[in-house]
Amino acid sequence: VEDKQEFSRFPTKAGRRSLSRSISQSSTDSYSSAASYTDSSDDETSPRDKTQVNSKGSTDFCVKNIKQAEFGRREIEIAEQDMSALISLRKRAQSEKPLAGAKIVGCTHITAQTAVLIETLVALGAQCRWTACNIYSTQNEVAAALSEIGVAVFAWKGESEDDFWWCIDRCVNTEGWQPNMILDDGGDLTHWMYKKYPNVFKKIRGIVEESVTGVHRLYQLSKAGKLCVPAMNVNDSVTKQKFDNLYCCRESILDGLKRTTDVMFGGKQVVVCGYGEVGKGCCAALKALGAIVYVTEIDPICALQACMDGFRVVKLNEVIRHVDVIITCTGNKNVVTRDQLDRMKNGSIVCNMGHSNTEIDVASLRTPELTWERVRSQVDHVIWPDGKRVILLAEGRLLNLSCSTVPTFVLSITATTQALALIELYNAPEGRYKQDVYLLPKKMDEYVASLHLATFDAHLTELTDEQAKYLGLNKNGPFKPNYYRYTFTYNIDFIHHQFMYGFCAD
């Protein structure tokens, strides 16, 4: 009785309902980036069928629940603490308003970290309209917080395919607002505008694209002579490739798999399809936890890197029957086919760390002879007639942003790179950039990196005049030629981990 009274003393009646709700939801919702504050009501009405108004009286948005804005603001404030470089850029350039007059339409993951970027763009003078590049990665409360301050956001977690394209269209097609810049992640927004609104597309001053998939689409347009605006390939910038793709995925792959499946990796046999920067990060993390890691590759250079890093390079068909986990990281299509899924063993896990949802042939699994069973949010059992179950995560979409969170600091590096790319394209004098795809200038890559060094209290050594002359460099950079390949040693942490734990055990 005393314990019951003590318990009752703390929560209010509303608080107990909230507590009960949160407990019951924990069995059905993954602890994902979008599940920190889920909708407090059981209303399953589509946001498209609801009319919502923010505190300023605007209805130019479509999110799950505008009342979640306060929670979203807290999430954004937390993200700002680890994005000090982007905040520093905001403060330095805010008075100059380098994006004054820019009307940016964006299609990215809508998370607290992206919100810091969007609010930075607004602070630098831009008007923004935004939608989500992934139907599962939107943080509903963050979308509400952005809508509350006047950013036209059209996105919510769990959109249908029809919703996805409707949201993109609402961002682009609005009376009295003509976009002149695009920030894209995956190329869907660019593709939609190019196909459906060609006259609007021709008036765009620049495109900034941050994914392998989107960059591939841009190069296709350029090669065919159909790209009528300059574009910046942020994905292949050093600060994106070597930090976001590598370090972000090295941490978030484990986070996503643990939250959704509670799997133990020690001794598990895992195939990582693709050994680019994403694949390298995934392999390093899995190996550090004791997994037996195989790699599939089409590129002999990447394959040789994998071999030298201690991984066995195989064809997927050689190991498909006995592996426990398959992770795709290629940006390609049909990397894992229905025939291969048929041969996987009971209880195996299949997931994707590439941007697009085409790497795993999920469509082939939606047939009458197979049964889909929802385990929890973003986790499905696909059951074969003989009772075999394969665990499919996020329906083949991007695992880390659909099922977990990603490191804020690394996203600060990418967001700062995107902001600088937008400023560069928007302010570039006529003729500097033609109708083609460009890499971010090396000087900007170095500037992004320098902004983030203060977090680690790092102090750069300065060249003397004599040293700079000897190397043929400007003392202020850039310090490497464009053809320079930045390299990393991927297994140092693993070796250190093994040495320390082995030493302690002995």
Protein backbone atom coordinates (compact mmCIF):
# COMPACT_ATOMS: atom_id res chain seq x y z
CA VAL A 1 0.00 0.00 0.00
CA GLU A 2 2.82 2.39 0.90
CA ASP A 3 4.56 1.63 -2.38
CA LYS A 4 1.34 2.29 -4.28
CA GLN A 5 0.82 5.59 -2.49
CA GLU A 6 4.43 6.58 -3.15
CA PHE A 7 4.02 5.79 -6.84
CA SER A 8 0.74 7.71 -7.07
CA ARG A 9 2.25 10.76 -5.46
CA PHE A 10 4.37 11.65 -8.49
CA PRO A 11 2.48 11.37 -11.81
CA THR A 12 -0.66 13.41 -12.39
CA LYS A 13 -3.64 11.71 -13.96
CA ALA A 14 -2.57 13.03 -17.36
CA GLY A 15 0.97 12.03 -16.59
CA ARG A 16 -0.07 8.46 -15.85
CA ARG A 17 -1.94 8.30 -19.15
CA SER A 18 1.17 9.59 -20.88
CA LEU A 19 3.35 7.09 -19.03
CA SER A 20 1.01 4.24 -19.88
CA ARG A 21 0.95 5.36 -23.49
CA SER A 22 4.74 5.53 -23.72
CA ILE A 23 5.14 2.08 -22.16
CA SER A 24 2.60 0.50 -24.48
CA GLN A 25 4.20 2.14 -27.48
CA SER A 26 7.65 0.81 -26.65
CA SER A 27 6.54 -2.61 -27.81
CA THR A 28 5.44 -1.35 -31.20
CA ASP A 29 7.67 1.62 -31.98
CA SER A 30 11.39 1.32 -32.55
CA TYR A 31 13.40 3.85 -30.63
CA SER A 32 14.05 5.65 -33.87
CA SER A 33 14.97 9.17 -34.71
CA ALA A 34 11.29 9.71 -35.40
CA ALA A 35 9.96 8.06 -32.26
CA SER A 36 11.28 10.29 -29.51
CA TYR A 37 7.89 11.92 -29.14
CA THR A 38 5.12 10.08 -30.93
CA ASP A 39 1.67 11.51 -31.44
CA SER A 40 -0.17 11.71 -28.12
CA SER A 41 -3.47 10.75 -29.69
CA ASP A 42 -4.67 7.64 -31.45
CA ASP A 43 -5.80 9.69 -34.45
CA GLU A 44 -4.74 7.80 -37.56
CA THR A 45 -6.18 10.41 -39.91
CA SER A 46 -3.84 11.29 -42.74
CA PRO A 47 -2.30 14.75 -42.30
CA ARG A 48 -3.53 15.48 -45.82
CA ASP A 49 -7.11 15.26 -44.52
CA LYS A 50 -6.57 17.66 -41.60
CA THR A 51 -6.44 21.45 -41.50
CA GLN A 52 -3.87 22.69 -39.01
CA VAL A 53 -2.88 26.24 -38.11
CA ASN A 54 0.34 27.40 -36.46
CA SER A 55 0.51 30.22 -33.92
CA LYS A 56 1.08 32.76 -36.72
CA GLY A 57 -2.16 31.76 -38.42
CA SER A 58 -0.48 29.99 -41.34
CA THR A 59 -1.80 26.78 -42.87
CA ASP A 60 0.97 26.45 -45.47
CA PHE A 61 2.36 23.15 -44.17
CA CYS A 62 1.33 19.54 -43.69
CA VAL A 63 2.76 17.62 -40.73
CA LYS A 64 1.52 14.95 -38.35
CA ASN A 65 0.63 17.23 -35.46
CA ILE A 66 1.55 20.91 -35.14
CA LYS A 67 1.00 20.64 -31.38
CA GLN A 68 4.26 18.68 -31.11
CA ALA A 69 6.26 21.81 -31.99
CA GLU A 70 7.45 22.39 -28.43
CA PHE A 71 8.92 18.90 -28.23
CA GLY A 72 10.57 19.41 -31.62
CA ARG A 73 12.12 22.67 -30.45
CA ARG A 74 13.80 20.80 -27.59
CA GLU A 75 15.19 18.24 -30.04
CA ILE A 76 16.61 21.03 -32.22
CA GLU A 77 18.20 22.71 -29.20
CA ILE A 78 19.94 19.46 -28.29
CA ALA A 79 21.24 19.09 -31.84
CA GLU A 80 22.57 22.64 -31.81
CA GLN A 81 24.87 21.76 -28.92
CA ASP A 82 26.86 19.38 -31.12
CA MET A 83 26.65 21.49 -34.30
CA SER A 84 28.70 24.41 -33.04
CA ALA A 85 30.51 24.85 -36.37
CA LEU A 86 27.26 25.35 -38.28
CA ILE A 87 26.05 27.74 -35.60
CA SER A 88 29.38 29.57 -35.89
CA LEU A 89 28.88 29.89 -39.66
CA ARG A 90 25.38 31.23 -39.00
CA LYS A 91 26.67 33.90 -36.62
CA ARG A 92 29.55 34.92 -38.90
CA ALA A 93 27.40 35.37 -42.01
CA GLN A 94 24.08 36.41 -40.49
CA SER A 95 24.74 40.14 -40.81
CA GLU A 96 25.76 39.82 -44.47
CA LYS A 97 22.68 37.77 -45.44
CA PRO A 98 24.45 35.93 -48.32
CA LEU A 99 21.24 34.07 -49.18
CA ALA A 100 18.96 37.12 -49.27
CA GLY A 101 16.51 36.54 -52.10
CA ALA A 102 17.21 32.81 -52.27
CA LYS A 103 14.10 30.64 -52.40
CA ILE A 104 15.28 27.17 -51.51
CA VAL A 105 13.16 24.07 -51.98
CA GLY A 106 14.62 21.11 -50.10
CA CYS A 107 14.09 17.36 -50.07
CA THR A 108 16.17 15.74 -47.33
CA HIS A 109 15.71 13.71 -44.17
CA ILE A 110 13.78 15.90 -41.74
CA THR A 111 15.55 15.47 -38.42
CA ALA A 112 16.70 17.77 -35.66
CA GLN A 113 20.07 18.11 -37.38
CA THR A 114 18.49 19.08 -40.70
CA ALA A 115 16.34 21.61 -38.83
CA VAL A 116 19.51 23.35 -37.61
CA LEU A 117 20.62 23.60 -41.25
CA ILE A 118 17.24 24.92 -42.42
CA GLU A 119 17.14 27.52 -39.65
CA THR A 120 20.68 28.55 -40.59
CA LEU A 121 19.61 29.07 -44.21
CA VAL A 122 16.67 31.19 -43.02
CA ALA A 123 18.98 33.22 -40.76
CA LEU A 124 21.21 33.87 -43.79
CA GLY A 125 18.28 35.35 -45.69
CA ALA A 126 16.68 32.42 -47.52
CA GLN A 127 13.03 31.44 -47.77
CA CYS A 128 12.59 27.66 -47.51
CA ARG A 129 10.00 25.05 -48.36
CA TRP A 130 10.85 21.49 -47.35
CA THR A 131 9.83 17.88 -47.80
CA ALA A 132 11.27 14.49 -46.84
CA CYS A 133 13.44 12.27 -49.03
CA ASN A 134 12.53 9.16 -47.00
CA ILE A 135 9.05 8.11 -45.89
CA TYR A 136 10.29 6.68 -42.58
CA SER A 137 12.99 9.08 -41.37
CA THR A 138 10.96 12.20 -40.55
CA GLN A 139 10.88 13.29 -36.92
CA ASN A 140 7.27 14.42 -36.60
CA GLU A 141 7.97 16.78 -33.72
CA VAL A 142 10.82 18.46 -35.62
CA ALA A 143 8.63 18.92 -38.70
CA ALA A 144 6.07 20.56 -36.40
CA ALA A 145 8.70 22.86 -34.86
CA LEU A 146 9.83 24.04 -38.30
CA SER A 147 6.23 24.61 -39.40
CA GLU A 148 5.61 26.63 -36.25
CA ILE A 149 8.33 29.18 -37.13
CA GLY A 150 7.02 29.59 -40.66
CA VAL A 151 8.97 27.06 -42.73
CA ALA A 152 6.55 25.33 -45.11
CA VAL A 153 7.16 21.65 -44.31
CA PHE A 154 5.27 18.84 -46.00
CA ALA A 155 6.34 15.57 -44.38
CA TRP A 156 5.48 13.03 -41.72
CA LYS A 157 6.76 9.64 -40.66
CA GLY A 158 5.10 6.74 -42.46
CA GLU A 159 4.03 8.43 -45.69
CA SER A 160 2.68 6.30 -48.50
CA GLU A 161 4.30 6.49 -51.93
CA ASP A 162 1.43 8.70 -53.06
CA ASP A 163 1.93 10.95 -50.03
CA PHE A 164 5.64 11.19 -50.82
CA TRP A 165 5.09 12.63 -54.30
CA TRP A 166 2.17 14.77 -53.14
CA CYS A 167 4.44 16.42 -50.54
CA ILE A 168 7.11 17.12 -53.15
CA ASP A 169 4.51 18.64 -55.44
CA ARG A 170 3.13 20.88 -52.66
CA CYS A 171 6.63 22.20 -52.01
CA VAL A 172 7.23 23.09 -55.64
CA ASN A 173 3.80 24.05 -56.90
CA THR A 174 2.56 26.94 -54.81
CA GLU A 175 1.03 30.21 -55.94
CA GLY A 176 3.24 33.28 -55.72
CA TRP A 177 6.45 31.44 -54.86
CA GLN A 178 9.12 30.58 -57.42
CA PRO A 179 12.05 28.45 -56.17
CA ASN A 180 15.50 29.40 -57.43
CA MET A 181 17.68 26.88 -55.52
CA ILE A 182 17.37 23.15 -54.85
CA LEU A 183 18.87 21.16 -51.98
CA ASP A 184 18.25 17.49 -52.74
CA ASP A 185 19.09 14.13 -51.21
CA GLY A 186 18.45 11.35 -53.68
CA GLY A 187 17.40 13.34 -56.73
CA ASP A 188 13.64 12.82 -56.40
CA LEU A 189 12.87 16.52 -56.08
CA THR A 190 15.15 17.40 -58.99
CA HIS A 191 13.61 14.63 -61.10
CA TRP A 192 10.05 15.77 -60.25
CA MET A 193 10.73 19.38 -61.17
CA TYR A 194 12.60 18.43 -64.35
CA LYS A 195 9.74 16.20 -65.55
CA LYS A 196 6.65 18.02 -64.30
CA TYR A 197 7.69 21.67 -64.11
CA PRO A 198 10.34 22.17 -66.81
CA ASN A 199 9.78 25.92 -67.01
CA VAL A 200 10.32 26.27 -63.26
CA PHE A 201 13.37 24.01 -63.44
CA LYS A 202 15.03 26.17 -66.10
CA LYS A 203 14.90 29.17 -63.74
CA ILE A 204 16.79 27.38 -60.97
CA ARG A 205 20.17 29.01 -60.25
CA GLY A 206 21.77 25.94 -58.72
CA ILE A 207 21.29 22.42 -57.36
CA VAL A 208 23.11 20.96 -54.36
CA GLU A 209 22.94 17.15 -54.18
CA GLU A 210 24.33 15.02 -51.37
CA SER A 211 23.68 11.36 -52.23
CA VAL A 212 25.23 8.80 -54.57
CA THR A 213 21.84 8.15 -56.17
CA GLY A 214 21.11 11.82 -56.80
CA VAL A 215 24.58 12.58 -58.13
CA HIS A 216 24.30 9.64 -60.52
CA ARG A 217 21.05 11.09 -61.86
CA LEU A 218 22.65 14.51 -62.32
CA TYR A 219 25.59 13.07 -64.26
CA GLN A 220 23.11 11.19 -66.46
CA LEU A 221 21.29 14.45 -67.24
CA SER A 222 24.58 16.23 -67.89
CA LYS A 223 25.85 13.49 -70.20
CA ALA A 224 22.61 13.62 -72.17
CA GLY A 225 22.88 17.41 -72.45
CA LYS A 226 19.64 17.90 -70.50
CA LEU A 227 21.01 19.52 -67.35
CA CYS A 228 20.12 23.19 -67.84
CA VAL A 229 21.38 24.47 -64.46
CA PRO A 230 24.70 24.17 -62.58
CA ALA A 231 24.84 21.54 -59.84
CA MET A 232 27.17 20.95 -56.92
CA ASN A 233 28.09 17.35 -56.10
CA VAL A 234 28.39 17.48 -52.32
CA ASN A 235 28.41 13.69 -51.98
CA ASP A 236 31.92 13.42 -53.39
CA SER A 237 33.32 16.33 -51.41
CA VAL A 238 36.00 15.23 -48.95
CA THR A 239 34.01 16.40 -45.93
CA LYS A 240 30.99 14.32 -46.97
CA GLN A 241 32.72 11.17 -48.19
CA LYS A 242 35.35 10.86 -45.50
CA PHE A 243 33.27 11.87 -42.51
CA ASP A 244 29.53 11.45 -43.03
CA ASN A 245 29.69 8.33 -45.18
CA LEU A 246 32.44 6.66 -43.14
CA TYR A 247 32.19 7.75 -39.51
CA CYS A 248 28.44 8.25 -39.42
CA CYS A 249 27.75 4.77 -40.81
CA ARG A 250 30.42 3.20 -38.61
CA GLU A 251 28.39 4.17 -35.54
CA SER A 252 24.82 4.17 -36.81
CA ILE A 253 24.83 0.70 -38.43
CA LEU A 254 25.15 -0.95 -35.03
CA ASP A 255 22.63 1.41 -33.49
CA GLY A 256 20.01 0.57 -36.12
CA LEU A 257 20.52 -3.19 -35.92
CA LYS A 258 20.57 -3.26 -32.12
CA ARG A 259 17.42 -1.19 -31.70
CA THR A 260 15.40 -3.22 -34.17
CA THR A 261 16.61 -6.79 -33.56
CA ASP A 262 18.62 -6.88 -30.30
CA VAL A 263 21.10 -9.04 -32.20
CA MET A 264 24.48 -9.97 -30.72
CA PHE A 265 27.22 -9.62 -33.32
CA GLY A 266 29.96 -11.76 -31.80
CA GLY A 267 30.43 -14.75 -34.11
CA LYS A 268 27.68 -13.72 -36.52
CA GLN A 269 28.42 -14.07 -40.23
CA VAL A 270 27.66 -10.81 -42.02
CA VAL A 271 27.87 -9.87 -45.69
CA VAL A 272 28.39 -6.21 -46.52
CA CYS A 273 27.61 -5.53 -50.18
CA GLY A 274 29.87 -2.71 -51.31
CA TYR A 275 33.16 -1.45 -49.87
CA GLY A 276 32.90 2.27 -50.53
CA GLU A 277 33.03 4.71 -47.61
CA VAL A 278 29.68 3.49 -46.22
CA GLY A 279 30.71 -0.15 -46.54
CA LYS A 280 34.09 0.54 -44.94
CA GLY A 281 32.40 2.15 -41.94
CA CYS A 282 29.95 -0.74 -41.55
CA CYS A 283 32.68 -3.39 -41.84
CA ALA A 284 34.92 -1.71 -39.27
CA ALA A 285 32.09 -1.50 -36.73
CA LEU A 286 30.96 -5.10 -37.24
CA LYS A 287 34.49 -6.48 -37.07
CA ALA A 288 35.15 -4.59 -33.85
CA LEU A 289 32.24 -6.45 -32.22
CA GLY A 290 33.55 -9.84 -33.28
CA ALA A 291 31.41 -10.49 -36.36
CA ILE A 292 32.79 -12.56 -39.24
CA VAL A 293 32.51 -10.12 -42.14
CA TYR A 294 32.42 -10.89 -45.86
CA VAL A 295 32.46 -8.22 -48.57
CA THR A 296 31.04 -8.24 -52.09
CA GLU A 297 32.47 -5.80 -54.62
CA ILE A 298 32.52 -5.07 -58.36
CA ASP A 299 35.49 -2.69 -58.18
CA PRO A 300 38.90 -4.42 -58.00
CA ILE A 301 40.45 -1.46 -56.15
CA CYS A 302 37.80 -1.47 -53.43
CA ALA A 303 38.00 -5.28 -53.33
CA LEU A 304 41.76 -5.11 -52.78
CA GLN A 305 41.23 -2.56 -50.00
CA ALA A 306 38.82 -4.96 -48.34
CA CYS A 307 41.34 -7.79 -48.58
CA MET A 308 44.09 -5.64 -47.10
CA ASP A 309 41.76 -4.62 -44.28
CA GLY A 310 41.28 -8.29 -43.42
CA PHE A 311 37.93 -9.09 -45.03
CA ARG A 312 37.22 -11.97 -47.35
CA VAL A 313 35.80 -10.82 -50.70
CA VAL A 314 33.17 -13.20 -52.04
CA LYS A 315 30.24 -13.44 -54.40
CA LEU A 316 26.94 -13.28 -52.53
CA ASN A 317 25.80 -16.63 -53.93
CA GLU A 318 28.83 -18.31 -52.37
CA VAL A 319 27.76 -17.52 -48.80
CA ILE A 320 24.02 -16.81 -49.08
CA ARG A 321 22.92 -20.06 -47.42
CA HIS A 322 24.81 -19.64 -44.14
CA VAL A 323 25.14 -15.90 -43.42
CA ASP A 324 23.16 -14.32 -40.61
CA VAL A 325 22.97 -10.72 -41.84
CA ILE A 326 23.09 -9.01 -45.25
CA ILE A 327 23.72 -5.26 -45.45
CA THR A 328 23.63 -3.46 -48.81
CA CYS A 329 25.73 -0.30 -49.33
CA THR A 330 26.06 0.07 -53.09
CA GLY A 331 23.54 2.61 -54.40
CA ASN A 332 22.67 0.06 -57.09
CA LYS A 333 19.51 -1.94 -57.78
CA ASN A 334 18.66 -5.63 -57.27
CA VAL A 335 21.82 -6.29 -55.26
CA VAL A 336 19.86 -8.90 -53.27
CA THR A 337 17.38 -10.75 -55.51
CA ARG A 338 14.35 -12.91 -54.77
CA ASP A 339 16.28 -16.05 -55.67
CA GLN A 340 18.90 -15.20 -53.07
CA LEU A 341 16.28 -14.32 -50.46
CA ASP A 342 14.69 -17.72 -51.10
CA ARG A 343 17.98 -19.42 -50.19
CA MET A 344 18.69 -17.51 -47.00
CA LYS A 345 18.42 -19.42 -43.75
CA ASN A 346 15.68 -19.04 -41.16
CA GLY A 347 16.05 -15.99 -38.91
CA SER A 348 18.50 -14.11 -41.12
CA ILE A 349 18.37 -10.31 -41.26
CA VAL A 350 18.32 -8.18 -44.41
CA CYS A 351 18.78 -4.41 -44.41
CA ASN A 352 20.01 -1.51 -46.52
CA MET A 353 22.46 1.31 -45.76
CA GLY A 354 22.34 2.88 -49.23
CA HIS A 355 20.10 5.84 -50.01
CA SER A 356 17.63 4.19 -52.37
CA ASN A 357 15.19 1.38 -51.58
CA THR A 358 16.07 -0.50 -54.77
CA GLU A 359 19.05 -2.51 -53.49
CA ILE A 360 16.91 -5.28 -51.99
CA ASP A 361 14.22 -6.64 -54.31
CA VAL A 362 11.42 -6.02 -51.82
CA ALA A 363 8.74 -5.89 -54.52
CA SER A 364 9.33 -9.58 -55.30
CA LEU A 365 8.44 -10.46 -51.70
CA ARG A 366 4.92 -9.05 -51.98
CA THR A 367 3.39 -12.19 -53.42
CA PRO A 368 0.48 -14.38 -52.24
CA GLU A 369 2.68 -17.30 -51.16
CA LEU A 370 4.65 -15.16 -48.69
CA THR A 371 3.20 -13.77 -45.46
CA TRP A 372 4.25 -10.43 -43.99
CA GLU A 373 4.08 -10.11 -40.22
CA ARG A 374 4.78 -6.76 -38.54
CA VAL A 375 6.92 -7.30 -35.44
CA ARG A 376 7.36 -3.65 -34.49
CA SER A 377 7.84 -0.38 -36.30
CA GLN A 378 10.25 -0.89 -39.24
CA VAL A 379 10.66 -4.61 -38.49
CA ASP A 380 8.85 -7.27 -40.56
CA HIS A 381 8.95 -11.03 -40.67
CA VAL A 382 8.62 -12.31 -44.23
CA ILE A 383 7.41 -15.90 -43.85
CA TRP A 384 7.87 -18.57 -46.53
CA PRO A 385 5.42 -21.49 -46.99
CA ASP A 386 7.78 -23.88 -45.16
CA GLY A 387 7.81 -21.60 -42.10
CA LYS A 388 11.16 -19.92 -42.78
CA ARG A 389 11.32 -16.33 -41.56
CA VAL A 390 13.56 -13.57 -42.85
CA ILE A 391 13.72 -10.33 -40.88
CA LEU A 392 13.43 -7.32 -43.19
CA LEU A 393 14.26 -3.90 -41.73
CA ALA A 394 12.63 -0.62 -42.84
CA GLU A 395 11.18 -2.39 -45.90
CA GLY A 396 14.58 -2.10 -47.55
CA ARG A 397 14.98 1.63 -46.99
CA LEU A 398 17.86 3.41 -45.29
CA LEU A 399 18.38 1.62 -41.97
CA ASN A 400 20.10 4.19 -39.80
CA LEU A 401 17.76 7.12 -40.37
CA SER A 402 14.65 4.92 -40.48
CA CYS A 403 15.36 2.84 -37.40
CA SER A 404 17.78 4.73 -35.18
CA THR A 405 19.62 8.01 -34.91
CA VAL A 406 22.82 9.30 -36.49
CA PRO A 407 25.70 11.18 -34.85
CA THR A 408 24.90 14.89 -34.74
CA PHE A 409 28.50 16.06 -34.99
CA VAL A 410 29.12 14.26 -38.28
CA LEU A 411 25.91 15.68 -39.70
CA SER A 412 27.14 19.12 -38.72
CA ILE A 413 30.04 18.60 -41.13
CA THR A 414 27.68 17.65 -43.97
CA ALA A 415 25.19 20.43 -43.18
CA THR A 416 27.94 23.06 -43.13
CA THR A 417 29.17 21.76 -46.49
CA GLN A 418 25.65 22.00 -47.93
CA ALA A 419 25.19 25.55 -46.63
CA LEU A 420 28.48 26.70 -48.17
CA ALA A 421 27.62 25.01 -51.48
CA LEU A 422 24.29 26.85 -51.61
CA ILE A 423 25.99 30.17 -50.80
CA GLU A 424 28.64 29.55 -53.47
CA LEU A 425 26.17 28.67 -56.24
CA TYR A 426 23.75 31.44 -55.35
CA ASN A 427 26.39 34.18 -55.24
CA ALA A 428 28.66 32.96 -58.05
CA PRO A 429 29.10 35.52 -60.84
CA GLU A 430 27.55 34.64 -64.16
CA GLY A 431 29.77 32.29 -66.13
CA ARG A 432 31.68 30.76 -63.22
CA TYR A 433 29.52 27.66 -63.31
CA LYS A 434 28.08 26.31 -66.53
CA GLN A 435 25.29 23.75 -66.98
CA ASP A 436 27.26 20.88 -65.49
CA VAL A 437 28.04 19.05 -62.23
CA TYR A 438 30.85 20.44 -60.06
CA LEU A 439 32.71 19.37 -56.94
CA LEU A 440 32.95 21.69 -53.97
CA PRO A 441 36.17 23.76 -54.19
CA LYS A 442 38.96 22.30 -52.06
CA LYS A 443 39.29 25.55 -50.14
CA MET A 444 35.70 25.18 -48.90
CA ASP A 445 36.30 21.58 -47.83
CA GLU A 446 39.22 22.76 -45.73
CA TYR A 447 37.17 25.63 -44.30
CA VAL A 448 34.42 23.22 -43.18
CA ALA A 449 37.02 21.01 -41.51
CA SER A 450 38.67 23.97 -39.77
CA LEU A 451 35.35 25.12 -38.29
CA HIS A 452 34.97 21.74 -36.57
CA LEU A 453 38.47 21.50 -35.10
CA ALA A 454 37.60 23.80 -32.21
CA THR A 455 35.33 21.09 -30.81
CA PHE A 456 38.42 18.97 -30.13
CA ASP A 457 40.58 21.89 -28.99
CA ALA A 458 42.82 21.07 -31.97
CA HIS A 459 45.55 23.51 -33.00
CA LEU A 460 46.84 23.58 -36.56
CA THR A 461 50.53 24.03 -37.28
CA GLU A 462 51.21 27.01 -39.55
CA LEU A 463 53.67 26.86 -42.43
CA THR A 464 56.58 29.27 -42.41
CA ASP A 465 57.13 31.37 -45.53
CA GLU A 466 60.12 29.18 -46.38
CA GLN A 467 58.13 25.96 -45.98
CA ALA A 468 55.22 27.27 -48.03
CA LYS A 469 57.61 28.29 -50.81
CA TYR A 470 59.32 24.90 -50.71
CA LEU A 471 55.97 23.08 -51.11
CA GLY A 472 54.61 25.60 -53.60
CA LEU A 473 51.58 26.32 -51.41
CA ASN A 474 49.69 29.32 -50.17
CA LYS A 475 50.12 29.51 -46.39
CA ASN A 476 46.33 29.66 -46.02
CA GLY A 477 45.58 26.73 -48.33
CA PRO A 478 44.38 24.84 -50.15
CA PHE A 479 46.94 22.37 -48.88
CA LYS A 480 46.24 19.46 -51.23
CA PRO A 481 45.67 19.29 -55.00
CA ASN A 482 42.26 18.19 -56.26
CA TYR A 483 43.59 14.78 -57.26
CA TYR A 484 44.83 14.02 -53.74
CA ARG A 485 43.26 10.92 -52.17
CA TYR A 486 42.63 11.27 -48.46
CA THR A 487 43.11 7.85 -46.86
CA PHE A 488 42.21 6.38 -43.51
CA THR A 489 43.35 3.34 -41.56
CA TYR A 490 40.10 1.63 -40.70
CA ASN A 491 41.17 -1.01 -38.24
CA ILE A 492 43.30 1.00 -35.79
CA ASP A 493 40.39 1.29 -33.35
CA PHE A 494 39.70 -2.41 -33.62
CA ILE A 495 43.35 -3.29 -32.97
CA HIS A 496 43.44 -0.93 -30.00
CA HIS A 497 40.19 -2.44 -28.68
CA GLN A 498 41.49 -5.97 -28.96
CA PHE A 499 44.85 -5.07 -27.40
CA MET A 500 43.34 -3.26 -24.41
CA TYR A 501 40.69 -5.86 -23.66
CA GLY A 502 43.11 -8.71 -24.21
CA PHE A 503 45.63 -7.05 -21.90
CA CYS A 504 43.02 -6.48 -19.20
CA ALA A 505 41.82 -10.08 -19.48
CA ASP A 506 45.35 -11.39 -19.06
